[in-house]
């Protein structure tokens, strides 16, 4: 049920995009203590983005999950920022992350809800 969207203005080839997708899936599963079989990742490279009126490399992420604990968002921000820093060489001050907790009855899966 965790979903991570990663948007960046960096052009990534398919190999790097797929590697980031696979790595992010493991990071999110471990960070949330959820089975990786429920994790969905969407990497969107080459976006037209600016941050602070500059088009230097930047990243925007959204992490959504059922019952995402508000007490964990600071730790999750560190984990995700480190992940894109390590993989894309984007400094933390060029990364925004939005967190959303979704009630189980509002998240559909396999024709039902959680």
C-alpha atoms as a PDB file:
ATOM      1  CA  UNK A   1       0.000   0.000   0.000  1.00  0.00           C
ATOM      2  CA  UNK A   2       2.874   2.491   0.264  1.00  0.00           C
ATOM      3  CA  UNK A   3       3.229   4.570  -2.896  1.00  0.00           C
ATOM      4  CA  UNK A   4       6.285   6.743  -3.571  1.00  0.00           C
ATOM      5  CA  UNK A   5       6.317   9.242  -6.419  1.00  0.00           C
ATOM      6  CA  UNK A   6       9.732  10.622  -7.363  1.00  0.00           C
ATOM      7  CA  UNK A   7       9.851  13.543  -9.795  1.00  0.00           C
ATOM      8  CA  UNK A   8      13.114  15.102 -10.879  1.00  0.00           C
ATOM      9  CA  UNK A   9      14.361  17.489 -13.507  1.00  0.00           C
ATOM     10  CA  UNK A  10      17.342  15.210 -14.113  1.00  0.00           C
ATOM     11  CA  UNK A  11      17.276  13.243 -17.355  1.00  0.00           C
ATOM     12  CA  UNK A  12      17.774   9.589 -16.443  1.00  0.00           C
ATOM     13  CA  UNK A  13      18.177   6.747 -18.880  1.00  0.00           C
ATOM     14  CA  UNK A  14      16.001   3.664 -18.501  1.00  0.00           C
ATOM     15  CA  UNK A  15      18.702   1.682 -16.696  1.00  0.00           C
ATOM     16  CA  UNK A  16      19.133   4.329 -13.992  1.00  0.00           C
ATOM     17  CA  UNK A  17      15.365   4.869 -13.697  1.00  0.00           C
ATOM     18  CA  UNK A  18      14.707   1.146 -13.202  1.00  0.00           C
ATOM     19  CA  UNK A  19      17.599   0.837 -10.736  1.00  0.00           C
ATOM     20  CA  UNK A  20      16.203   3.763  -8.713  1.00  0.00           C
ATOM     21  CA  UNK A  21      12.723   2.221  -8.830  1.00  0.00           C
ATOM     22  CA  UNK A  22      13.984  -1.106  -7.497  1.00  0.00           C
ATOM     23  CA  UNK A  23      16.168   0.490  -4.829  1.00  0.00           C
ATOM     24  CA  UNK A  24      13.393   2.845  -3.687  1.00  0.00           C
ATOM     25  CA  UNK A  25      11.015  -0.104  -3.334  1.00  0.00           C
ATOM     26  CA  UNK A  26      13.389  -1.797  -0.896  1.00  0.00           C
ATOM     27  CA  UNK A  27      14.055   1.448   1.011  1.00  0.00           C
ATOM     28  CA  UNK A  28      10.343   2.230   1.434  1.00  0.00           C
ATOM     29  CA  UNK A  29       9.461  -1.313   2.494  1.00  0.00           C
ATOM     30  CA  UNK A  30      12.227  -1.362   5.085  1.00  0.00           C
ATOM     31  CA  UNK A  31      11.549   2.167   6.360  1.00  0.00           C
ATOM     32  CA  UNK A  32       7.837   1.450   6.837  1.00  0.00           C
ATOM     33  CA  UNK A  33       8.122  -2.179   7.910  1.00  0.00           C
ATOM     34  CA  UNK A  34       5.756  -3.228   5.115  1.00  0.00           C
ATOM     35  CA  UNK A  35       6.104  -6.129   2.685  1.00  0.00           C
ATOM     36  CA  UNK A  36       7.796  -5.018  -0.520  1.00  0.00           C
ATOM     37  CA  UNK A  37       5.058  -6.856  -2.431  1.00  0.00           C
ATOM     38  CA  UNK A  38       2.689  -3.984  -1.518  1.00  0.00           C
ATOM     39  CA  UNK A  39       5.072  -1.110  -2.404  1.00  0.00           C
ATOM     40  CA  UNK A  40       4.545   0.893  -5.611  1.00  0.00           C
ATOM     41  CA  UNK A  41       7.163   3.307  -6.962  1.00  0.00           C
ATOM     42  CA  UNK A  42       6.806   5.808  -9.816  1.00  0.00           C
ATOM     43  CA  UNK A  43       9.979   7.534 -11.059  1.00  0.00           C
ATOM     44  CA  UNK A  44       9.403  10.517 -13.359  1.00  0.00           C
ATOM     45  CA  UNK A  45      12.708  11.842 -14.740  1.00  0.00           C
ATOM     46  CA  UNK A  46      13.233  14.795 -17.053  1.00  0.00           C
ATOM     47  CA  UNK A  47      10.459  16.937 -15.554  1.00  0.00           C
ATOM     48  CA  UNK A  48      10.337  20.685 -16.125  1.00  0.00           C
ATOM     49  CA  UNK A  49      11.032  21.806 -12.556  1.00  0.00           C
ATOM     50  CA  UNK A  50      12.632  24.666 -10.734  1.00  0.00           C
ATOM     51  CA  UNK A  51      13.244  25.241  -7.035  1.00  0.00           C
ATOM     52  CA  UNK A  52      14.182  28.577  -5.558  1.00  0.00           C
ATOM     53  CA  UNK A  53      14.002  30.110  -9.055  1.00  0.00           C
ATOM     54  CA  UNK A  54      16.835  27.806 -10.180  1.00  0.00           C
ATOM     55  CA  UNK A  55      16.701  24.829 -12.511  1.00  0.00           C
ATOM     56  CA  UNK A  56      19.633  23.034 -10.847  1.00  0.00           C
ATOM     57  CA  UNK A  57      18.882  19.359 -10.119  1.00  0.00           C
ATOM     58  CA  UNK A  58      15.998  18.945  -7.688  1.00  0.00           C
ATOM     59  CA  UNK A  59      13.589  16.248  -6.536  1.00  0.00           C
ATOM     60  CA  UNK A  60       9.954  16.269  -5.436  1.00  0.00           C
ATOM     61  CA  UNK A  61       8.586  13.175  -3.697  1.00  0.00           C
ATOM     62  CA  UNK A  62       5.210  12.113  -2.355  1.00  0.00           C
ATOM     63  CA  UNK A  63       4.940   9.186   0.038  1.00  0.00           C
ATOM     64  CA  UNK A  64       1.428   7.912   0.637  1.00  0.00           C
ATOM     65  CA  UNK A  65       0.403   4.953   2.728  1.00  0.00           C
ATOM     66  CA  UNK A  66      -2.427   3.594   4.809  1.00  0.00           C
ATOM     67  CA  UNK A  67      -2.069   4.811   8.398  1.00  0.00           C
ATOM     68  CA  UNK A  68       1.275   6.566   7.825  1.00  0.00           C
ATOM     69  CA  UNK A  69       2.345   7.643  11.331  1.00  0.00           C
ATOM     70  CA  UNK A  70       2.888  11.396  11.692  1.00  0.00           C
ATOM     71  CA  UNK A  71       5.539  10.688  14.311  1.00  0.00           C
ATOM     72  CA  UNK A  72       7.702   9.008  11.646  1.00  0.00           C
ATOM     73  CA  UNK A  73       7.719  11.690   8.944  1.00  0.00           C
ATOM     74  CA  UNK A  74      10.954  13.372  10.091  1.00  0.00           C
ATOM     75  CA  UNK A  75      12.784  10.031  10.032  1.00  0.00           C
ATOM     76  CA  UNK A  76      11.233   9.105   6.691  1.00  0.00           C
ATOM     77  CA  UNK A  77      12.261  12.473   5.270  1.00  0.00           C
ATOM     78  CA  UNK A  78      15.866  11.740   6.253  1.00  0.00           C
ATOM     79  CA  UNK A  79      15.755   8.253   4.747  1.00  0.00           C
ATOM     80  CA  UNK A  80      14.215   9.361   1.444  1.00  0.00           C
ATOM     81  CA  UNK A  81      16.410  12.444   1.105  1.00  0.00           C
ATOM     82  CA  UNK A  82      19.505  10.307   1.671  1.00  0.00           C
ATOM     83  CA  UNK A  83      18.262   7.816  -0.907  1.00  0.00           C
ATOM     84  CA  UNK A  84      17.928  10.387  -3.713  1.00  0.00           C
ATOM     85  CA  UNK A  85      21.113  12.103  -2.577  1.00  0.00           C
ATOM     86  CA  UNK A  86      23.051   8.849  -2.844  1.00  0.00           C
ATOM     87  CA  UNK A  87      21.482   7.751  -6.131  1.00  0.00           C
ATOM     88  CA  UNK A  88      21.006  11.087  -7.941  1.00  0.00           C
ATOM     89  CA  UNK A  89      23.558  13.335  -6.212  1.00  0.00           C
ATOM     90  CA  UNK A  90      20.880  15.883  -5.315  1.00  0.00           C
ATOM     91  CA  UNK A  91      21.621  17.806  -2.106  1.00  0.00           C
ATOM     92  CA  UNK A  92      19.004  17.742   0.629  1.00  0.00           C
ATOM     93  CA  UNK A  93      18.244  21.442   0.248  1.00  0.00           C
ATOM     94  CA  UNK A  94      16.984  20.661  -3.275  1.00  0.00           C
ATOM     95  CA  UNK A  95      14.462  18.001  -2.150  1.00  0.00           C
ATOM     96  CA  UNK A  96      10.840  18.385  -1.084  1.00  0.00           C
ATOM     97  CA  UNK A  97       8.851  15.463   0.308  1.00  0.00           C
ATOM     98  CA  UNK A  98       5.124  15.407   0.995  1.00  0.00           C
ATOM     99  CA  UNK A  99       3.627  12.741   3.259  1.00  0.00           C
ATOM    100  CA  UNK A 100       0.018  11.572   3.161  1.00  0.00           C
ATOM    101  CA  UNK A 101      -1.719   9.122   5.435  1.00  0.00           C
ATOM    102  CA  UNK A 102      -4.765   7.532   3.861  1.00  0.00           C
ATOM    103  CA  UNK A 103      -7.513   5.690   5.771  1.00  0.00           C
ATOM    104  CA  UNK A 104      -7.658   2.024   4.792  1.00  0.00           C
ATOM    105  CA  UNK A 105     -11.188   2.326   3.459  1.00  0.00           C
ATOM    106  CA  UNK A 106      -9.961   5.005   1.020  1.00  0.00           C
ATOM    107  CA  UNK A 107      -7.205   2.852  -0.534  1.00  0.00           C
ATOM    108  CA  UNK A 108      -8.313   0.293  -3.089  1.00  0.00           C
ATOM    109  CA  UNK A 109      -6.440  -2.878  -3.925  1.00  0.00           C
ATOM    110  CA  UNK A 110      -7.448  -5.984  -5.834  1.00  0.00           C
ATOM    111  CA  UNK A 111     -11.096  -4.959  -6.006  1.00  0.00           C
ATOM    112  CA  UNK A 112     -11.387  -4.185  -2.292  1.00  0.00           C
ATOM    113  CA  UNK A 113      -9.966  -1.764   0.262  1.00  0.00           C
ATOM    114  CA  UNK A 114      -7.651  -2.033   3.231  1.00  0.00           C
END
